[in-house]
Amino acid sequence: MKRTLTSGDLSDVRFFAGRDFGSAQNFSAHRFVLSSRNDVFRTMFYGSLPENCDKPVDIPDVHPDAFANMLSFVYADTVDGSVLTMYCIHHHELRR
């Protein structure tokens, strides 16, 4: 699954994370993978008011490194344990 994330093959959603930190970065991901691993993403993409995936989902208050680590956790159950990553997971309620 990690290779699927890093390659970006067949990705159908983009995120723009870290604007508030002045070091924003784009990320490609897969709605199905995110939704299958997390209820917040399931609601975000398949709920009654789904996110428009034609443009990047803006996440200004999460550092890009933390967001990358969160995606790594979702796709492959790996994380570096940084405080920024734990903030991202807790703040946005991204739990398994």
PDB file of N, CA and C in Angstrom:
ATOM      1  N   MET A   1       0.817  -1.202   0.000  1.00  0.00           N
ATOM      2  CA  MET A   1       0.000   0.000   0.000  1.00  0.00           C
ATOM      3  C   MET A   1       0.862   1.268   0.000  1.00  0.00           C
ATOM      4  N   LYS A   2       1.994   1.211   0.650  1.00  0.00           N
ATOM      5  CA  LYS A   2       2.871   2.379   0.696  1.00  0.00           C
ATOM      6  C   LYS A   2       3.296   2.785  -0.722  1.00  0.00           C
ATOM      7  N   ARG A   3       3.570   1.804  -1.561  1.00  0.00           N
ATOM      8  CA  ARG A   3       3.960   2.089  -2.948  1.00  0.00           C
ATOM      9  C   ARG A   3       2.820   2.787  -3.701  1.00  0.00           C
ATOM     10  N   THR A   4       1.596   2.397  -3.418  1.00  0.00           N
ATOM     11  CA  THR A   4       0.435   3.030  -4.039  1.00  0.00           C
ATOM     12  C   THR A   4       0.398   4.512  -3.694  1.00  0.00           C
ATOM     13  N   LEU A   5       0.701   4.819  -2.445  1.00  0.00           N
ATOM     14  CA  LEU A   5       0.717   6.210  -2.006  1.00  0.00           C
ATOM     15  C   LEU A   5       1.848   6.984  -2.668  1.00  0.00           C
ATOM     16  N   THR A   6       3.050   6.449  -2.612  1.00  0.00           N
ATOM     17  CA  THR A   6       4.202   7.191  -3.126  1.00  0.00           C
ATOM     18  C   THR A   6       4.197   7.329  -4.646  1.00  0.00           C
ATOM     19  N   SER A   7       3.620   6.370  -5.343  1.00  0.00           N
ATOM     20  CA  SER A   7       3.593   6.456  -6.808  1.00  0.00           C
ATOM     21  C   SER A   7       2.528   7.437  -7.293  1.00  0.00           C
ATOM     22  N   GLY A   8       1.448   7.563  -6.535  1.00  0.00           N
ATOM     23  CA  GLY A   8       0.354   8.425  -6.965  1.00  0.00           C
ATOM     24  C   GLY A   8      -0.511   7.805  -8.038  1.00  0.00           C
ATOM     25  N   ASP A   9      -0.194   6.568  -8.448  1.00  0.00           N
ATOM     26  CA  ASP A   9      -0.987   5.893  -9.474  1.00  0.00           C
ATOM     27  C   ASP A   9      -2.446   5.793  -9.057  1.00  0.00           C
ATOM     28  N   LEU A  10      -3.328   6.148  -9.964  1.00  0.00           N
ATOM     29  CA  LEU A  10      -4.772   6.053  -9.783  1.00  0.00           C
ATOM     30  C   LEU A  10      -5.306   6.922  -8.639  1.00  0.00           C
ATOM     31  N   SER A  11      -4.537   7.904  -8.205  1.00  0.00           N
ATOM     32  CA  SER A  11      -5.023   8.781  -7.132  1.00  0.00           C
ATOM     33  C   SER A  11      -6.226   9.575  -7.639  1.00  0.00           C
ATOM     34  N   ASP A  12      -7.141   9.851  -6.727  1.00  0.00           N
ATOM     35  CA  ASP A  12      -8.354  10.573  -7.113  1.00  0.00           C
ATOM     36  C   ASP A  12      -8.693  11.721  -6.169  1.00  0.00           C
ATOM     37  N   VAL A  13      -7.748  12.065  -5.293  1.00  0.00           N
ATOM     38  CA  VAL A  13      -7.932  13.222  -4.424  1.00  0.00           C
ATOM     39  C   VAL A  13      -6.561  13.839  -4.158  1.00  0.00           C
ATOM     40  N   ARG A  14      -6.561  15.161  -4.077  1.00  0.00           N
ATOM     41  CA  ARG A  14      -5.331  15.884  -3.756  1.00  0.00           C
ATOM     42  C   ARG A  14      -5.563  16.729  -2.515  1.00  0.00           C
ATOM     43  N   PHE A  15      -4.522  16.891  -1.739  1.00  0.00           N
ATOM     44  CA  PHE A  15      -4.555  17.724  -0.540  1.00  0.00           C
ATOM     45  C   PHE A  15      -3.476  18.790  -0.667  1.00  0.00           C
ATOM     46  N   PHE A  16      -3.748  19.951  -0.092  1.00  0.00           N
ATOM     47  CA  PHE A  16      -2.782  21.040  -0.023  1.00  0.00           C
ATOM     48  C   PHE A  16      -2.622  21.353   1.453  1.00  0.00           C
ATOM     49  N   ALA A  17      -1.546  20.869   2.045  1.00  0.00           N
ATOM     50  CA  ALA A  17      -1.364  20.971   3.494  1.00  0.00           C
ATOM     51  C   ALA A  17      -0.233  21.921   3.857  1.00  0.00           C
ATOM     52  N   GLY A  18      -0.437  22.679   4.946  1.00  0.00           N
ATOM     53  CA  GLY A  18       0.631  23.467   5.544  1.00  0.00           C
ATOM     54  C   GLY A  18       0.705  24.926   5.198  1.00  0.00           C
ATOM     55  N   ARG A  19      -0.330  25.479   4.609  1.00  0.00           N
ATOM     56  CA  ARG A  19      -0.298  26.897   4.215  1.00  0.00           C
ATOM     57  C   ARG A  19       0.026  27.806   5.400  1.00  0.00           C
ATOM     58  N   ASP A  20      -0.512  27.505   6.582  1.00  0.00           N
ATOM     59  CA  ASP A  20      -0.268  28.334   7.767  1.00  0.00           C
ATOM     60  C   ASP A  20       1.193  28.308   8.217  1.00  0.00           C
ATOM     61  N   PHE A  21       1.953  27.345   7.750  1.00  0.00           N
ATOM     62  CA  PHE A  21       3.354  27.207   8.138  1.00  0.00           C
ATOM     63  C   PHE A  21       4.299  27.808   7.099  1.00  0.00           C
ATOM     64  N   GLY A  22       3.747  28.293   5.984  1.00  0.00           N
ATOM     65  CA  GLY A  22       4.561  28.881   4.944  1.00  0.00           C
ATOM     66  C   GLY A  22       5.355  27.861   4.144  1.00  0.00           C
ATOM     67  N   SER A  23       4.984  26.603   4.278  1.00  0.00           N
ATOM     68  CA  SER A  23       5.703  25.552   3.541  1.00  0.00           C
ATOM     69  C   SER A  23       4.715  24.525   3.000  1.00  0.00           C
ATOM     70  N   ALA A  24       3.677  25.018   2.366  1.00  0.00           N
ATOM     71  CA  ALA A  24       2.607  24.149   1.872  1.00  0.00           C
ATOM     72  C   ALA A  24       3.111  23.169   0.825  1.00  0.00           C
ATOM     73  N   GLN A  25       2.451  22.033   0.794  1.00  0.00           N
ATOM     74  CA  GLN A  25       2.842  20.975  -0.137  1.00  0.00           C
ATOM     75  C   GLN A  25       1.591  20.256  -0.636  1.00  0.00           C
ATOM     76  N   ASN A  26       1.634  19.789  -1.891  1.00  0.00           N
ATOM     77  CA  ASN A  26       0.544  19.003  -2.465  1.00  0.00           C
ATOM     78  C   ASN A  26       0.774  17.522  -2.222  1.00  0.00           C
ATOM     79  N   PHE A  27      -0.310  16.803  -1.972  1.00  0.00           N
ATOM     80  CA  PHE A  27      -0.277  15.361  -1.766  1.00  0.00           C
ATOM     81  C   PHE A  27      -1.377  14.720  -2.598  1.00  0.00           C
ATOM     82  N   SER A  28      -1.077  13.590  -3.202  1.00  0.00           N
ATOM     83  CA  SER A  28      -2.076  12.809  -3.919  1.00  0.00           C
ATOM     84  C   SER A  28      -2.417  11.585  -3.080  1.00  0.00           C
ATOM     85  N   ALA A  29      -3.690  11.197  -3.121  1.00  0.00           N
ATOM     86  CA  ALA A  29      -4.121  10.035  -2.342  1.00  0.00           C
ATOM     87  C   ALA A  29      -5.311   9.381  -3.040  1.00  0.00           C
ATOM     88  N   HIS A  30      -5.881   8.402  -2.375  1.00  0.00           N
ATOM     89  CA  HIS A  30      -6.969   7.600  -2.930  1.00  0.00           C
ATOM     90  C   HIS A  30      -8.144   7.617  -1.955  1.00  0.00           C
ATOM     91  N   ARG A  31      -9.265   8.150  -2.410  1.00  0.00           N
ATOM     92  CA  ARG A  31     -10.436   8.258  -1.535  1.00  0.00           C
ATOM     93  C   ARG A  31     -10.833   6.913  -0.940  1.00  0.00           C
ATOM     94  N   PHE A  32     -10.790   5.868  -1.736  1.00  0.00           N
ATOM     95  CA  PHE A  32     -11.198   4.554  -1.235  1.00  0.00           C
ATOM     96  C   PHE A  32     -10.303   4.099  -0.079  1.00  0.00           C
ATOM     97  N   VAL A  33      -9.006   4.253  -0.236  1.00  0.00           N
ATOM     98  CA  VAL A  33      -8.082   3.828   0.826  1.00  0.00           C
ATOM     99  C   VAL A  33      -8.321   4.645   2.091  1.00  0.00           C
ATOM    100  N   LEU A  34      -8.364   5.960   1.952  1.00  0.00           N
ATOM    101  CA  LEU A  34      -8.576   6.819   3.116  1.00  0.00           C
ATOM    102  C   LEU A  34      -9.908   6.505   3.794  1.00  0.00           C
ATOM    103  N   SER A  35     -10.948   6.337   3.002  1.00  0.00           N
ATOM    104  CA  SER A  35     -12.283   6.072   3.542  1.00  0.00           C
ATOM    105  C   SER A  35     -12.400   4.704   4.191  1.00  0.00           C
ATOM    106  N   SER A  36     -11.671   3.744   3.665  1.00  0.00           N
ATOM    107  CA  SER A  36     -11.749   2.402   4.244  1.00  0.00           C
ATOM    108  C   SER A  36     -11.015   2.319   5.573  1.00  0.00           C
ATOM    109  N   ARG A  37     -10.132   3.259   5.836  1.00  0.00           N
ATOM    110  CA  ARG A  37      -9.339   3.229   7.063  1.00  0.00           C
ATOM    111  C   ARG A  37      -9.816   4.217   8.111  1.00  0.00           C
ATOM    112  N   ASN A  38     -10.715   5.143   7.740  1.00  0.00           N
ATOM    113  CA  ASN A  38     -11.067   6.204   8.674  1.00  0.00           C
ATOM    114  C   ASN A  38     -12.469   6.741   8.419  1.00  0.00           C
ATOM    115  N   ASP A  39     -13.259   6.828   9.479  1.00  0.00           N
ATOM    116  CA  ASP A  39     -14.638   7.306   9.362  1.00  0.00           C
ATOM    117  C   ASP A  39     -14.721   8.776   8.970  1.00  0.00           C
ATOM    118  N   VAL A  40     -13.762   9.585   9.406  1.00  0.00           N
ATOM    119  CA  VAL A  40     -13.773  11.003   9.039  1.00  0.00           C
ATOM    120  C   VAL A  40     -13.623  11.148   7.528  1.00  0.00           C
ATOM    121  N   PHE A  41     -12.681  10.411   6.952  1.00  0.00           N
ATOM    122  CA  PHE A  41     -12.522  10.456   5.498  1.00  0.00           C
ATOM    123  C   PHE A  41     -13.733   9.861   4.794  1.00  0.00           C
ATOM    124  N   ARG A  42     -14.324   8.803   5.337  1.00  0.00           N
ATOM    125  CA  ARG A  42     -15.510   8.206   4.716  1.00  0.00           C
ATOM    126  C   ARG A  42     -16.622   9.241   4.617  1.00  0.00           C
ATOM    127  N   THR A  43     -16.854   9.963   5.699  1.00  0.00           N
ATOM    128  CA  THR A  43     -17.877  11.004   5.698  1.00  0.00           C
ATOM    129  C   THR A  43     -17.489  12.139   4.752  1.00  0.00           C
ATOM    130  N   MET A  44     -16.209  12.498   4.758  1.00  0.00           N
ATOM    131  CA  MET A  44     -15.722  13.590   3.926  1.00  0.00           C
ATOM    132  C   MET A  44     -15.937  13.319   2.432  1.00  0.00           C
ATOM    133  N   PHE A  45     -15.721  12.087   2.018  1.00  0.00           N
ATOM    134  CA  PHE A  45     -15.791  11.767   0.595  1.00  0.00           C
ATOM    135  C   PHE A  45     -17.102  11.123   0.149  1.00  0.00           C
ATOM    136  N   TYR A  46     -17.797  10.444   1.056  1.00  0.00           N
ATOM    137  CA  TYR A  46     -18.994   9.700   0.656  1.00  0.00           C
ATOM    138  C   TYR A  46     -20.225  10.025   1.491  1.00  0.00           C
ATOM    139  N   GLY A  47     -20.146  11.045   2.347  1.00  0.00           N
ATOM    140  CA  GLY A  47     -21.280  11.434   3.176  1.00  0.00           C
ATOM    141  C   GLY A  47     -22.307  12.228   2.396  1.00  0.00           C
ATOM    142  N   SER A  48     -23.247  12.812   3.113  1.00  0.00           N
ATOM    143  CA  SER A  48     -24.342  13.531   2.457  1.00  0.00           C
ATOM    144  C   SER A  48     -23.873  14.803   1.739  1.00  0.00           C
ATOM    145  N   LEU A  49     -22.747  15.381   2.153  1.00  0.00           N
ATOM    146  CA  LEU A  49     -22.179  16.549   1.482  1.00  0.00           C
ATOM    147  C   LEU A  49     -20.712  16.258   1.155  1.00  0.00           C
ATOM    148  N   PRO A  50     -20.466  15.414   0.158  1.00  0.00           N
ATOM    149  CA  PRO A  50     -19.089  15.000  -0.131  1.00  0.00           C
ATOM    150  C   PRO A  50     -18.211  16.147  -0.614  1.00  0.00           C
ATOM    151  N   GLU A  51     -16.944  16.037  -0.270  1.00  0.00           N
ATOM    152  CA  GLU A  51     -15.932  17.008  -0.684  1.00  0.00           C
ATOM    153  C   GLU A  51     -15.801  17.002  -2.207  1.00  0.00           C
ATOM    154  N   ASN A  52     -15.668  18.184  -2.790  1.00  0.00           N
ATOM    155  CA  ASN A  52     -15.428  18.304  -4.219  1.00  0.00           C
ATOM    156  C   ASN A  52     -13.964  17.956  -4.477  1.00  0.00           C
ATOM    157  N   CYS A  53     -13.715  16.890  -5.193  1.00  0.00           N
ATOM    158  CA  CYS A  53     -12.348  16.422  -5.430  1.00  0.00           C
ATOM    159  C   CYS A  53     -11.749  16.955  -6.724  1.00  0.00           C
ATOM    160  N   ASP A  54     -12.430  17.918  -7.342  1.00  0.00           N
ATOM    161  CA  ASP A  54     -11.894  18.524  -8.562  1.00  0.00           C
ATOM    162  C   ASP A  54     -10.742  19.475  -8.256  1.00  0.00           C
ATOM    163  N   LYS A  55     -10.658  19.939  -7.023  1.00  0.00           N
ATOM    164  CA  LYS A  55      -9.572  20.821  -6.601  1.00  0.00           C
ATOM    165  C   LYS A  55      -8.975  20.261  -5.315  1.00  0.00           C
ATOM    166  N   PRO A  56      -7.748  20.646  -4.974  1.00  0.00           N
ATOM    167  CA  PRO A  56      -7.132  20.115  -3.755  1.00  0.00           C
ATOM    168  C   PRO A  56      -7.915  20.486  -2.493  1.00  0.00           C
ATOM    169  N   VAL A  57      -7.972  19.555  -1.566  1.00  0.00           N
ATOM    170  CA  VAL A  57      -8.572  19.804  -0.258  1.00  0.00           C
ATOM    171  C   VAL A  57      -7.551  20.597   0.538  1.00  0.00           C
ATOM    172  N   ASP A  58      -7.917  21.791   0.967  1.00  0.00           N
ATOM    173  CA  ASP A  58      -7.002  22.670   1.690  1.00  0.00           C
ATOM    174  C   ASP A  58      -6.992  22.327   3.174  1.00  0.00           C
ATOM    175  N   ILE A  59      -5.812  22.030   3.698  1.00  0.00           N
ATOM    176  CA  ILE A  59      -5.639  21.761   5.124  1.00  0.00           C
ATOM    177  C   ILE A  59      -4.515  22.682   5.601  1.00  0.00           C
ATOM    178  N   PRO A  60      -4.852  23.939   5.897  1.00  0.00           N
ATOM    179  CA  PRO A  60      -3.824  24.940   6.187  1.00  0.00           C
ATOM    180  C   PRO A  60      -3.108  24.759   7.514  1.00  0.00           C
ATOM    181  N   ASP A  61      -3.775  24.167   8.498  1.00  0.00           N
ATOM    182  CA  ASP A  61      -3.236  24.133   9.859  1.00  0.00           C
ATOM    183  C   ASP A  61      -2.476  22.863  10.217  1.00  0.00           C
ATOM    184  N   VAL A  62      -2.109  22.063   9.241  1.00  0.00           N
ATOM    185  CA  VAL A  62      -1.317  20.856   9.483  1.00  0.00           C
ATOM    186  C   VAL A  62      -0.026  20.962   8.682  1.00  0.00           C
ATOM    187  N   HIS A  63       1.092  20.811   9.372  1.00  0.00           N
ATOM    188  CA  HIS A  63       2.404  20.891   8.733  1.00  0.00           C
ATOM    189  C   HIS A  63       2.527  19.781   7.682  1.00  0.00           C
ATOM    190  N   PRO A  64       3.139  20.077   6.534  1.00  0.00           N
ATOM    191  CA  PRO A  64       3.264  19.063   5.483  1.00  0.00           C
ATOM    192  C   PRO A  64       3.952  17.776   5.941  1.00  0.00           C
ATOM    193  N   ASP A  65       4.964  17.870   6.792  1.00  0.00           N
ATOM    194  CA  ASP A  65       5.629  16.663   7.292  1.00  0.00           C
ATOM    195  C   ASP A  65       4.670  15.808   8.100  1.00  0.00           C
ATOM    196  N   ALA A  66       3.847  16.460   8.905  1.00  0.00           N
ATOM    197  CA  ALA A  66       2.864  15.731   9.713  1.00  0.00           C
ATOM    198  C   ALA A  66       1.823  15.079   8.817  1.00  0.00           C
ATOM    199  N   PHE A  67       1.391  15.784   7.782  1.00  0.00           N
ATOM    200  CA  PHE A  67       0.391  15.223   6.885  1.00  0.00           C
ATOM    201  C   PHE A  67       0.961  14.027   6.130  1.00  0.00           C
ATOM    202  N   ALA A  68       2.197  14.137   5.680  1.00  0.00           N
ATOM    203  CA  ALA A  68       2.844  13.011   4.996  1.00  0.00           C
ATOM    204  C   ALA A  68       2.940  11.803   5.914  1.00  0.00           C
ATOM    205  N   ASN A  69       3.282  12.027   7.171  1.00  0.00           N
ATOM    206  CA  ASN A  69       3.361  10.926   8.123  1.00  0.00           C
ATOM    207  C   ASN A  69       1.990  10.328   8.413  1.00  0.00           C
ATOM    208  N   MET A  70       0.964  11.173   8.469  1.00  0.00           N
ATOM    209  CA  MET A  70      -0.392  10.672   8.678  1.00  0.00           C
ATOM    210  C   MET A  70      -0.809   9.778   7.514  1.00  0.00           C
ATOM    211  N   LEU A  71      -0.501  10.205   6.287  1.00  0.00           N
ATOM    212  CA  LEU A  71      -0.824   9.372   5.124  1.00  0.00           C
ATOM    213  C   LEU A  71      -0.062   8.047   5.188  1.00  0.00           C
ATOM    214  N   SER A  72       1.177   8.097   5.594  1.00  0.00           N
ATOM    215  CA  SER A  72       1.975   6.878   5.742  1.00  0.00           C
ATOM    216  C   SER A  72       1.328   5.933   6.746  1.00  0.00           C
ATOM    217  N   PHE A  73       0.817   6.486   7.816  1.00  0.00           N
ATOM    218  CA  PHE A  73       0.129   5.683   8.831  1.00  0.00           C
ATOM    219  C   PHE A  73      -1.133   5.048   8.255  1.00  0.00           C
ATOM    220  N   VAL A  74      -1.921   5.827   7.542  1.00  0.00           N
ATOM    221  CA  VAL A  74      -3.169   5.322   6.961  1.00  0.00           C
ATOM    222  C   VAL A  74      -2.895   4.208   5.943  1.00  0.00           C
ATOM    223  N   TYR A  75      -1.884   4.403   5.104  1.00  0.00           N
ATOM    224  CA  TYR A  75      -1.595   3.434   4.049  1.00  0.00           C
ATOM    225  C   TYR A  75      -0.797   2.224   4.536  1.00  0.00           C
ATOM    226  N   ALA A  76       0.111   2.426   5.490  1.00  0.00           N
ATOM    227  CA  ALA A  76       1.053   1.344   5.806  1.00  0.00           C
ATOM    228  C   ALA A  76       1.293   1.113   7.294  1.00  0.00           C
ATOM    229  N   ASP A  77       0.516   1.760   8.157  1.00  0.00           N
ATOM    230  CA  ASP A  77       0.678   1.600   9.606  1.00  0.00           C
ATOM    231  C   ASP A  77       2.073   1.968  10.097  1.00  0.00           C
ATOM    232  N   THR A  78       2.730   2.898   9.417  1.00  0.00           N
ATOM    233  CA  THR A  78       4.036   3.363   9.880  1.00  0.00           C
ATOM    234  C   THR A  78       3.967   4.856  10.139  1.00  0.00           C
ATOM    235  N   VAL A  79       4.694   5.293  11.150  1.00  0.00           N
ATOM    236  CA  VAL A  79       4.749   6.716  11.498  1.00  0.00           C
ATOM    237  C   VAL A  79       6.049   6.954  12.246  1.00  0.00           C
ATOM    238  N   ASP A  80       6.592   8.160  12.123  1.00  0.00           N
ATOM    239  CA  ASP A  80       7.860   8.438  12.792  1.00  0.00           C
ATOM    240  C   ASP A  80       7.688   8.839  14.254  1.00  0.00           C
ATOM    241  N   GLY A  81       6.452   9.002  14.704  1.00  0.00           N
ATOM    242  CA  GLY A  81       6.206   9.325  16.106  1.00  0.00           C
ATOM    243  C   GLY A  81       6.404  10.776  16.465  1.00  0.00           C
ATOM    244  N   SER A  82       6.540  11.656  15.496  1.00  0.00           N
ATOM    245  CA  SER A  82       6.777  13.065  15.798  1.00  0.00           C
ATOM    246  C   SER A  82       5.555  13.716  16.437  1.00  0.00           C
ATOM    247  N   VAL A  83       5.822  14.753  17.191  1.00  0.00           N
ATOM    248  CA  VAL A  83       4.752  15.509  17.836  1.00  0.00           C
ATOM    249  C   VAL A  83       3.818  16.107  16.792  1.00  0.00           C
ATOM    250  N   LEU A  84       4.360  16.603  15.681  1.00  0.00           N
ATOM    251  CA  LEU A  84       3.515  17.172  14.632  1.00  0.00           C
ATOM    252  C   LEU A  84       2.540  16.144  14.081  1.00  0.00           C
ATOM    253  N   THR A  85       3.000  14.925  13.904  1.00  0.00           N
ATOM    254  CA  THR A  85       2.138  13.881  13.377  1.00  0.00           C
ATOM    255  C   THR A  85       1.040  13.530  14.370  1.00  0.00           C
ATOM    256  N   MET A  86       1.392  13.422  15.631  1.00  0.00           N
ATOM    257  CA  MET A  86       0.386  13.102  16.646  1.00  0.00           C
ATOM    258  C   MET A  86      -0.650  14.223  16.725  1.00  0.00           C
ATOM    259  N   TYR A  87      -0.223  15.469  16.567  1.00  0.00           N
ATOM    260  CA  TYR A  87      -1.160  16.585  16.537  1.00  0.00           C
ATOM    261  C   TYR A  87      -2.125  16.419  15.367  1.00  0.00           C
ATOM    262  N   CYS A  88      -1.596  16.097  14.217  1.00  0.00           N
ATOM    263  CA  CYS A  88      -2.422  15.927  13.020  1.00  0.00           C
ATOM    264  C   CYS A  88      -3.457  14.836  13.237  1.00  0.00           C
ATOM    265  N   ILE A  89      -3.018  13.706  13.744  1.00  0.00           N
ATOM    266  CA  ILE A  89      -3.922  12.577  13.961  1.00  0.00           C
ATOM    267  C   ILE A  89      -4.982  12.923  14.998  1.00  0.00           C
ATOM    268  N   HIS A  90      -4.571  13.535  16.093  1.00  0.00           N
ATOM    269  CA  HIS A  90      -5.525  13.870  17.162  1.00  0.00           C
ATOM    270  C   HIS A  90      -6.422  15.034  16.758  1.00  0.00           C
ATOM    271  N   HIS A  91      -5.829  16.101  16.260  1.00  0.00           N
ATOM    272  CA  HIS A  91      -6.575  17.316  15.920  1.00  0.00           C
ATOM    273  C   HIS A  91      -7.657  17.055  14.875  1.00  0.00           C
ATOM    274  N   HIS A  92      -7.372  16.228  13.941  1.00  0.00           N
ATOM    275  CA  HIS A  92      -8.332  15.951  12.876  1.00  0.00           C
ATOM    276  C   HIS A  92      -9.032  14.606  13.065  1.00  0.00           C
ATOM    277  N   GLU A  93      -8.884  14.048  14.271  1.00  0.00           N
ATOM    278  CA  GLU A  93      -9.570  12.811  14.646  1.00  0.00           C
ATOM    279  C   GLU A  93      -9.365  11.695  13.632  1.00  0.00           C
ATOM    280  N   LEU A  94      -8.128  11.532  13.199  1.00  0.00           N
ATOM    281  CA  LEU A  94      -7.814  10.500  12.219  1.00  0.00           C
ATOM    282  C   LEU A  94      -7.355   9.247  12.966  1.00  0.00           C
ATOM    283  N   ARG A  95      -8.305   8.462  13.386  1.00  0.00           N
ATOM    284  CA  ARG A  95      -8.022   7.238  14.127  1.00  0.00           C
ATOM    285  C   ARG A  95      -8.433   6.058  13.290  1.00  0.00           C
ATOM    286  N   ARG A  96      -7.838   4.923  13.595  1.00  0.00           N
ATOM    287  CA  ARG A  96      -8.219   3.669  12.927  1.00  0.00           C
ATOM    288  C   ARG A  96      -9.562   3.243  13.394  1.00  0.00           C
TER     289      ARG A  96
END
